[in-house]
Amino acid sequence: MSATPPTFTIGANPVRPTRFHPVDSADPRNIFARPTYAGPELRPTSVRPARDVGLDMPSRVGSTLRYRDGRITDLAGNPITEAP
């Protein structure tokens, strides 16, 4: 007596589940025969020459310019000791 696999119906189409075969090799039980993934997205990225230029630019907060090193200037570039 042979057991038949179950059949599912999606819409009007009967669908029979299939067995997943990860490797199409001579011996499917050999897990080491699987192709390996090189992971090209994990390689170091190319370095663009001007990648950090934006870090040197100040942020505008109201009528002041604030730099990453802690300096605060007015819009003309004059240093401010106290922020308005």
PDB file of N, CA and C in Angstrom:
ATOM      1  N   MET A   1       0.834  -1.176   0.000  1.00  0.00           N
ATOM      2  CA  MET A   1       0.000   0.000   0.000  1.00  0.00           C
ATOM      3  C   MET A   1       0.879   1.240   0.000  1.00  0.00           C
ATOM      4  N   SER A   2       0.667   2.096  -0.928  1.00  0.00           N
ATOM      5  CA  SER A   2       1.464   3.299  -1.081  1.00  0.00           C
ATOM      6  C   SER A   2       0.695   4.491  -0.541  1.00  0.00           C
ATOM      7  N   ALA A   3       1.353   5.278   0.273  1.00  0.00           N
ATOM      8  CA  ALA A   3       0.709   6.472   0.827  1.00  0.00           C
ATOM      9  C   ALA A   3       0.840   7.612  -0.175  1.00  0.00           C
ATOM     10  N   THR A   4      -0.236   8.289  -0.449  1.00  0.00           N
ATOM     11  CA  THR A   4      -0.196   9.422  -1.364  1.00  0.00           C
ATOM     12  C   THR A   4      -0.019  10.695  -0.540  1.00  0.00           C
ATOM     13  N   PRO A   5       0.783  11.611  -1.031  1.00  0.00           N
ATOM     14  CA  PRO A   5       0.960  12.862  -0.291  1.00  0.00           C
ATOM     15  C   PRO A   5      -0.321  13.674  -0.307  1.00  0.00           C
ATOM     16  N   PRO A   6      -0.538  14.482   0.711  1.00  0.00           N
ATOM     17  CA  PRO A   6      -1.771  15.280   0.762  1.00  0.00           C
ATOM     18  C   PRO A   6      -1.792  16.306  -0.357  1.00  0.00           C
ATOM     19  N   THR A   7      -2.975  16.654  -0.777  1.00  0.00           N
ATOM     20  CA  THR A   7      -3.156  17.653  -1.814  1.00  0.00           C
ATOM     21  C   THR A   7      -3.907  18.826  -1.217  1.00  0.00           C
ATOM     22  N   PHE A   8      -3.412  20.027  -1.480  1.00  0.00           N
ATOM     23  CA  PHE A   8      -4.052  21.250  -1.007  1.00  0.00           C
ATOM     24  C   PHE A   8      -4.644  21.975  -2.193  1.00  0.00           C
ATOM     25  N   THR A   9      -5.684  22.715  -1.957  1.00  0.00           N
ATOM     26  CA  THR A   9      -6.319  23.454  -3.035  1.00  0.00           C
ATOM     27  C   THR A   9      -6.131  24.943  -2.796  1.00  0.00           C
ATOM     28  N   ILE A  10      -5.531  25.611  -3.781  1.00  0.00           N
ATOM     29  CA  ILE A  10      -5.391  27.064  -3.755  1.00  0.00           C
ATOM     30  C   ILE A  10      -6.227  27.580  -4.910  1.00  0.00           C
ATOM     31  N   GLY A  11      -7.306  28.221  -4.572  1.00  0.00           N
ATOM     32  CA  GLY A  11      -8.233  28.652  -5.616  1.00  0.00           C
ATOM     33  C   GLY A  11      -8.843  27.425  -6.249  1.00  0.00           C
ATOM     34  N   ALA A  12      -8.724  27.285  -7.553  1.00  0.00           N
ATOM     35  CA  ALA A  12      -9.250  26.124  -8.248  1.00  0.00           C
ATOM     36  C   ALA A  12      -8.144  25.146  -8.609  1.00  0.00           C
ATOM     37  N   ASN A  13      -6.900  25.448  -8.211  1.00  0.00           N
ATOM     38  CA  ASN A  13      -5.760  24.628  -8.605  1.00  0.00           C
ATOM     39  C   ASN A  13      -5.306  23.731  -7.451  1.00  0.00           C
ATOM     40  N   PRO A  14      -5.319  22.420  -7.625  1.00  0.00           N
ATOM     41  CA  PRO A  14      -4.786  21.547  -6.576  1.00  0.00           C
ATOM     42  C   PRO A  14      -3.264  21.629  -6.567  1.00  0.00           C
ATOM     43  N   VAL A  15      -2.703  21.721  -5.373  1.00  0.00           N
ATOM     44  CA  VAL A  15      -1.260  21.856  -5.220  1.00  0.00           C
ATOM     45  C   VAL A  15      -0.772  20.727  -4.336  1.00  0.00           C
ATOM     46  N   ARG A  16       0.262  20.040  -4.776  1.00  0.00           N
ATOM     47  CA  ARG A  16       0.839  18.957  -4.004  1.00  0.00           C
ATOM     48  C   ARG A  16       2.207  19.420  -3.501  1.00  0.00           C
ATOM     49  N   PRO A  17       2.462  19.368  -2.191  1.00  0.00           N
ATOM     50  CA  PRO A  17       3.762  19.821  -1.686  1.00  0.00           C
ATOM     51  C   PRO A  17       4.881  18.956  -2.232  1.00  0.00           C
ATOM     52  N   THR A  18       5.984  19.603  -2.536  1.00  0.00           N
ATOM     53  CA  THR A  18       7.136  18.871  -3.057  1.00  0.00           C
ATOM     54  C   THR A  18       8.250  18.883  -2.031  1.00  0.00           C
ATOM     55  N   ARG A  19       9.124  17.930  -2.163  1.00  0.00           N
ATOM     56  CA  ARG A  19      10.246  17.824  -1.247  1.00  0.00           C
ATOM     57  C   ARG A  19      11.343  18.789  -1.700  1.00  0.00           C
ATOM     58  N   PHE A  20      11.957  19.505  -0.736  1.00  0.00           N
ATOM     59  CA  PHE A  20      13.001  20.472  -1.056  1.00  0.00           C
ATOM     60  C   PHE A  20      14.335  19.749  -1.192  1.00  0.00           C
ATOM     61  N   HIS A  21      15.011  19.940  -2.336  1.00  0.00           N
ATOM     62  CA  HIS A  21      16.323  19.360  -2.566  1.00  0.00           C
ATOM     63  C   HIS A  21      17.333  20.506  -2.647  1.00  0.00           C
ATOM     64  N   PRO A  22      18.132  20.745  -1.579  1.00  0.00           N
ATOM     65  CA  PRO A  22      19.033  21.898  -1.591  1.00  0.00           C
ATOM     66  C   PRO A  22      20.160  21.785  -2.596  1.00  0.00           C
ATOM     67  N   VAL A  23      20.587  20.566  -2.910  1.00  0.00           N
ATOM     68  CA  VAL A  23      21.721  20.397  -3.813  1.00  0.00           C
ATOM     69  C   VAL A  23      21.369  19.373  -4.874  1.00  0.00           C
ATOM     70  N   ASP A  24      21.710  19.696  -6.075  1.00  0.00           N
ATOM     71  CA  ASP A  24      21.509  18.744  -7.151  1.00  0.00           C
ATOM     72  C   ASP A  24      22.873  18.156  -7.474  1.00  0.00           C
ATOM     73  N   SER A  25      23.359  17.292  -6.612  1.00  0.00           N
ATOM     74  CA  SER A  25      24.676  16.703  -6.807  1.00  0.00           C
ATOM     75  C   SER A  25      24.547  15.196  -6.939  1.00  0.00           C
ATOM     76  N   ALA A  26      25.671  14.528  -7.104  1.00  0.00           N
ATOM     77  CA  ALA A  26      25.649  13.079  -7.266  1.00  0.00           C
ATOM     78  C   ALA A  26      25.131  12.400  -5.994  1.00  0.00           C
ATOM     79  N   ASP A  27      25.504  12.898  -4.838  1.00  0.00           N
ATOM     80  CA  ASP A  27      25.055  12.322  -3.568  1.00  0.00           C
ATOM     81  C   ASP A  27      24.353  13.415  -2.769  1.00  0.00           C
ATOM     82  N   PRO A  28      23.026  13.486  -2.813  1.00  0.00           N
ATOM     83  CA  PRO A  28      22.316  14.573  -2.133  1.00  0.00           C
ATOM     84  C   PRO A  28      22.485  14.536  -0.615  1.00  0.00           C
ATOM     85  N   ARG A  29      22.976  13.434  -0.053  1.00  0.00           N
ATOM     86  CA  ARG A  29      23.186  13.382   1.388  1.00  0.00           C
ATOM     87  C   ARG A  29      24.478  14.061   1.804  1.00  0.00           C
ATOM     88  N   ASN A  30      25.356  14.355   0.847  1.00  0.00           N
ATOM     89  CA  ASN A  30      26.627  14.979   1.161  1.00  0.00           C
ATOM     90  C   ASN A  30      26.419  16.487   1.301  1.00  0.00           C
ATOM     91  N   ILE A  31      26.333  16.975   2.535  1.00  0.00           N
ATOM     92  CA  ILE A  31      26.065  18.400   2.744  1.00  0.00           C
ATOM     93  C   ILE A  31      27.270  19.256   2.405  1.00  0.00           C
ATOM     94  N   PHE A  32      28.461  18.666   2.329  1.00  0.00           N
ATOM     95  CA  PHE A  32      29.649  19.439   2.011  1.00  0.00           C
ATOM     96  C   PHE A  32      29.789  19.674   0.514  1.00  0.00           C
ATOM     97  N   ALA A  33      28.951  19.078  -0.300  1.00  0.00           N
ATOM     98  CA  ALA A  33      29.001  19.277  -1.740  1.00  0.00           C
ATOM     99  C   ALA A  33      28.208  20.506  -2.158  1.00  0.00           C
ATOM    100  N   ARG A  34      27.554  21.178  -1.182  1.00  0.00           N
ATOM    101  CA  ARG A  34      26.772  22.359  -1.514  1.00  0.00           C
ATOM    102  C   ARG A  34      27.666  23.499  -1.974  1.00  0.00           C
ATOM    103  N   PRO A  35      27.185  24.310  -2.890  1.00  0.00           N
ATOM    104  CA  PRO A  35      27.981  25.480  -3.275  1.00  0.00           C
ATOM    105  C   PRO A  35      28.052  26.459  -2.105  1.00  0.00           C
ATOM    106  N   THR A  36      29.160  27.145  -1.983  1.00  0.00           N
ATOM    107  CA  THR A  36      29.317  28.103  -0.893  1.00  0.00           C
ATOM    108  C   THR A  36      28.940  29.488  -1.376  1.00  0.00           C
ATOM    109  N   TYR A  37      28.573  30.346  -0.442  1.00  0.00           N
ATOM    110  CA  TYR A  37      28.203  31.723  -0.761  1.00  0.00           C
ATOM    111  C   TYR A  37      29.386  32.621  -0.438  1.00  0.00           C
ATOM    112  N   ALA A  38      29.837  33.391  -1.419  1.00  0.00           N
ATOM    113  CA  ALA A  38      31.022  34.226  -1.245  1.00  0.00           C
ATOM    114  C   ALA A  38      30.730  35.494  -0.453  1.00  0.00           C
ATOM    115  N   GLY A  39      29.499  35.959  -0.408  1.00  0.00           N
ATOM    116  CA  GLY A  39      29.130  37.162   0.335  1.00  0.00           C
ATOM    117  C   GLY A  39      29.758  38.426  -0.223  1.00  0.00           C
ATOM    118  N   PRO A  40      29.483  38.772  -1.488  1.00  0.00           N
ATOM    119  CA  PRO A  40      30.139  39.948  -2.063  1.00  0.00           C
ATOM    120  C   PRO A  40      29.775  41.246  -1.340  1.00  0.00           C
ATOM    121  N   GLU A  41      28.628  41.302  -0.665  1.00  0.00           N
ATOM    122  CA  GLU A  41      28.252  42.537   0.023  1.00  0.00           C
ATOM    123  C   GLU A  41      29.024  42.720   1.324  1.00  0.00           C
ATOM    124  N   LEU A  42      29.758  41.702   1.762  1.00  0.00           N
ATOM    125  CA  LEU A  42      30.521  41.803   2.996  1.00  0.00           C
ATOM    126  C   LEU A  42      31.952  42.285   2.769  1.00  0.00           C
ATOM    127  N   ARG A  43      32.358  42.425   1.522  1.00  0.00           N
ATOM    128  CA  ARG A  43      33.700  42.931   1.231  1.00  0.00           C
ATOM    129  C   ARG A  43      33.790  44.400   1.626  1.00  0.00           C
ATOM    130  N   PRO A  44      35.007  44.891   1.911  1.00  0.00           N
ATOM    131  CA  PRO A  44      35.145  46.324   2.222  1.00  0.00           C
ATOM    132  C   PRO A  44      34.653  47.179   1.057  1.00  0.00           C
ATOM    133  N   THR A  45      33.968  48.228   1.379  1.00  0.00           N
ATOM    134  CA  THR A  45      33.440  49.102   0.335  1.00  0.00           C
ATOM    135  C   THR A  45      34.539  50.013  -0.187  1.00  0.00           C
ATOM    136  N   SER A  46      34.320  50.552  -1.354  1.00  0.00           N
ATOM    137  CA  SER A  46      35.293  51.496  -1.903  1.00  0.00           C
ATOM    138  C   SER A  46      35.163  52.811  -1.142  1.00  0.00           C
ATOM    139  N   VAL A  47      36.270  53.473  -0.946  1.00  0.00           N
ATOM    140  CA  VAL A  47      36.285  54.720  -0.182  1.00  0.00           C
ATOM    141  C   VAL A  47      36.215  55.885  -1.158  1.00  0.00           C
ATOM    142  N   ARG A  48      35.179  56.704  -0.980  1.00  0.00           N
ATOM    143  CA  ARG A  48      35.048  57.889  -1.815  1.00  0.00           C
ATOM    144  C   ARG A  48      35.921  58.998  -1.239  1.00  0.00           C
ATOM    145  N   PRO A  49      36.573  59.794  -2.070  1.00  0.00           N
ATOM    146  CA  PRO A  49      37.486  60.818  -1.572  1.00  0.00           C
ATOM    147  C   PRO A  49      36.834  61.845  -0.647  1.00  0.00           C
ATOM    148  N   ALA A  50      35.616  62.250  -0.882  1.00  0.00           N
ATOM    149  CA  ALA A  50      34.988  63.316  -0.099  1.00  0.00           C
ATOM    150  C   ALA A  50      33.896  62.769   0.814  1.00  0.00           C
ATOM    151  N   ARG A  51      34.071  61.577   1.354  1.00  0.00           N
ATOM    152  CA  ARG A  51      33.009  60.950   2.130  1.00  0.00           C
ATOM    153  C   ARG A  51      32.750  61.634   3.460  1.00  0.00           C
ATOM    154  N   ASP A  52      33.740  62.336   4.058  1.00  0.00           N
ATOM    155  CA  ASP A  52      33.579  62.943   5.372  1.00  0.00           C
ATOM    156  C   ASP A  52      33.449  64.460   5.331  1.00  0.00           C
ATOM    157  N   VAL A  53      33.240  65.039   4.162  1.00  0.00           N
ATOM    158  CA  VAL A  53      33.154  66.494   4.046  1.00  0.00           C
ATOM    159  C   VAL A  53      31.977  67.035   4.863  1.00  0.00           C
ATOM    160  N   GLY A  54      30.882  66.322   4.885  1.00  0.00           N
ATOM    161  CA  GLY A  54      29.708  66.792   5.613  1.00  0.00           C
ATOM    162  C   GLY A  54      29.911  66.865   7.113  1.00  0.00           C
ATOM    163  N   LEU A  55      30.865  66.101   7.646  1.00  0.00           N
ATOM    164  CA  LEU A  55      31.121  66.148   9.086  1.00  0.00           C
ATOM    165  C   LEU A  55      31.812  67.436   9.503  1.00  0.00           C
ATOM    166  N   ASP A  56      32.467  68.120   8.570  1.00  0.00           N
ATOM    167  CA  ASP A  56      33.145  69.380   8.882  1.00  0.00           C
ATOM    168  C   ASP A  56      32.208  70.576   8.807  1.00  0.00           C
ATOM    169  N   MET A  57      31.022  70.390   8.272  1.00  0.00           N
ATOM    170  CA  MET A  57      30.084  71.504   8.126  1.00  0.00           C
ATOM    171  C   MET A  57      29.268  71.674   9.409  1.00  0.00           C
ATOM    172  N   PRO A  58      28.945  72.916   9.760  1.00  0.00           N
ATOM    173  CA  PRO A  58      28.181  73.152  10.988  1.00  0.00           C
ATOM    174  C   PRO A  58      26.693  72.904  10.797  1.00  0.00           C
ATOM    175  N   SER A  59      26.005  72.771  11.921  1.00  0.00           N
ATOM    176  CA  SER A  59      24.552  72.679  11.907  1.00  0.00           C
ATOM    177  C   SER A  59      23.992  74.050  12.264  1.00  0.00           C
ATOM    178  N   ARG A  60      22.975  74.483  11.546  1.00  0.00           N
ATOM    179  CA  ARG A  60      22.375  75.780  11.850  1.00  0.00           C
ATOM    180  C   ARG A  60      21.265  75.569  12.862  1.00  0.00           C
ATOM    181  N   VAL A  61      21.365  76.280  13.984  1.00  0.00           N
ATOM    182  CA  VAL A  61      20.341  76.254  15.024  1.00  0.00           C
ATOM    183  C   VAL A  61      19.941  77.701  15.260  1.00  0.00           C
ATOM    184  N   GLY A  62      18.781  78.074  14.750  1.00  0.00           N
ATOM    185  CA  GLY A  62      18.330  79.468  14.862  1.00  0.00           C
ATOM    186  C   GLY A  62      19.264  80.377  14.087  1.00  0.00           C
ATOM    187  N   SER A  63      19.898  81.344  14.787  1.00  0.00           N
ATOM    188  CA  SER A  63      20.820  82.264  14.130  1.00  0.00           C
ATOM    189  C   SER A  63      22.272  81.920  14.481  1.00  0.00           C
ATOM    190  N   THR A  64      22.541  80.681  14.865  1.00  0.00           N
ATOM    191  CA  THR A  64      23.900  80.273  15.203  1.00  0.00           C
ATOM    192  C   THR A  64      24.325  79.080  14.355  1.00  0.00           C
ATOM    193  N   LEU A  65      25.636  78.917  14.229  1.00  0.00           N
ATOM    194  CA  LEU A  65      26.210  77.750  13.563  1.00  0.00           C
ATOM    195  C   LEU A  65      26.942  76.946  14.623  1.00  0.00           C
ATOM    196  N   ARG A  66      26.635  75.651  14.740  1.00  0.00           N
ATOM    197  CA  ARG A  66      27.252  74.796  15.750  1.00  0.00           C
ATOM    198  C   ARG A  66      28.075  73.723  15.059  1.00  0.00           C
ATOM    199  N   TYR A  67      29.356  73.660  15.440  1.00  0.00           N
ATOM    200  CA  TYR A  67      30.292  72.707  14.857  1.00  0.00           C
ATOM    201  C   TYR A  67      30.406  71.483  15.754  1.00  0.00           C
ATOM    202  N   ARG A  68      30.887  70.392  15.204  1.00  0.00           N
ATOM    203  CA  ARG A  68      31.019  69.142  15.953  1.00  0.00           C
ATOM    204  C   ARG A  68      32.056  69.238  17.065  1.00  0.00           C
ATOM    205  N   ASP A  69      33.032  70.122  16.925  1.00  0.00           N
ATOM    206  CA  ASP A  69      34.053  70.251  17.967  1.00  0.00           C
ATOM    207  C   ASP A  69      33.599  71.141  19.127  1.00  0.00           C
ATOM    208  N   GLY A  70      32.369  71.662  19.067  1.00  0.00           N
ATOM    209  CA  GLY A  70      31.819  72.447  20.170  1.00  0.00           C
ATOM    210  C   GLY A  70      31.797  73.940  19.928  1.00  0.00           C
ATOM    211  N   ARG A  71      32.422  74.425  18.851  1.00  0.00           N
ATOM    212  CA  ARG A  71      32.409  75.864  18.567  1.00  0.00           C
ATOM    213  C   ARG A  71      31.008  76.316  18.205  1.00  0.00           C
ATOM    214  N   ILE A  72      30.683  77.532  18.604  1.00  0.00           N
ATOM    215  CA  ILE A  72      29.408  78.156  18.232  1.00  0.00           C
ATOM    216  C   ILE A  72      29.737  79.521  17.657  1.00  0.00           C
ATOM    217  N   THR A  73      29.235  79.795  16.447  1.00  0.00           N
ATOM    218  CA  THR A  73      29.465  81.085  15.798  1.00  0.00           C
ATOM    219  C   THR A  73      28.137  81.654  15.332  1.00  0.00           C
ATOM    220  N   ASP A  74      28.149  82.963  15.031  1.00  0.00           N
ATOM    221  CA  ASP A  74      26.954  83.528  14.410  1.00  0.00           C
ATOM    222  C   ASP A  74      27.011  83.222  12.918  1.00  0.00           C
ATOM    223  N   LEU A  75      26.040  83.669  12.170  1.00  0.00           N
ATOM    224  CA  LEU A  75      25.974  83.328  10.750  1.00  0.00           C
ATOM    225  C   LEU A  75      27.120  83.943   9.948  1.00  0.00           C
ATOM    226  N   ALA A  76      27.756  84.980  10.474  1.00  0.00           N
ATOM    227  CA  ALA A  76      28.890  85.594   9.786  1.00  0.00           C
ATOM    228  C   ALA A  76      30.192  84.875  10.112  1.00  0.00           C
ATOM    229  N   GLY A  77      30.192  83.987  11.085  1.00  0.00           N
ATOM    230  CA  GLY A  77      31.390  83.264  11.449  1.00  0.00           C
ATOM    231  C   GLY A  77      32.101  83.799  12.674  1.00  0.00           C
ATOM    232  N   ASN A  78      31.510  84.790  13.340  1.00  0.00           N
ATOM    233  CA  ASN A  78      32.107  85.375  14.533  1.00  0.00           C
ATOM    234  C   ASN A  78      31.837  84.463  15.723  1.00  0.00           C
ATOM    235  N   PRO A  79      32.843  84.141  16.542  1.00  0.00           N
ATOM    236  CA  PRO A  79      32.645  83.249  17.692  1.00  0.00           C
ATOM    237  C   PRO A  79      31.670  83.838  18.705  1.00  0.00           C
ATOM    238  N   ILE A  80      30.876  82.954  19.295  1.00  0.00           N
ATOM    239  CA  ILE A  80      29.912  83.322  20.343  1.00  0.00           C
ATOM    240  C   ILE A  80      30.279  82.502  21.569  1.00  0.00           C
ATOM    241  N   THR A  81      30.371  83.153  22.731  1.00  0.00           N
ATOM    242  CA  THR A  81      30.687  82.429  23.946  1.00  0.00           C
ATOM    243  C   THR A  81      29.427  81.841  24.571  1.00  0.00           C
ATOM    244  N   GLU A  82      28.335  82.558  24.514  1.00  0.00           N
ATOM    245  CA  GLU A  82      27.052  82.096  25.050  1.00  0.00           C
ATOM    246  C   GLU A  82      26.057  81.957  23.909  1.00  0.00           C
ATOM    247  N   ALA A  83      25.361  80.854  23.847  1.00  0.00           N
ATOM    248  CA  ALA A  83      24.343  80.667  22.803  1.00  0.00           C
ATOM    249  C   ALA A  83      23.127  81.505  23.142  1.00  0.00           C
ATOM    250  N   PRO A  84      22.556  82.207  22.147  1.00  0.00           N
ATOM    251  CA  PRO A  84      21.358  83.048  22.407  1.00  0.00           C
ATOM    252  C   PRO A  84      20.142  82.206  22.743  1.00  0.00           C
TER     253      PRO A  84
END
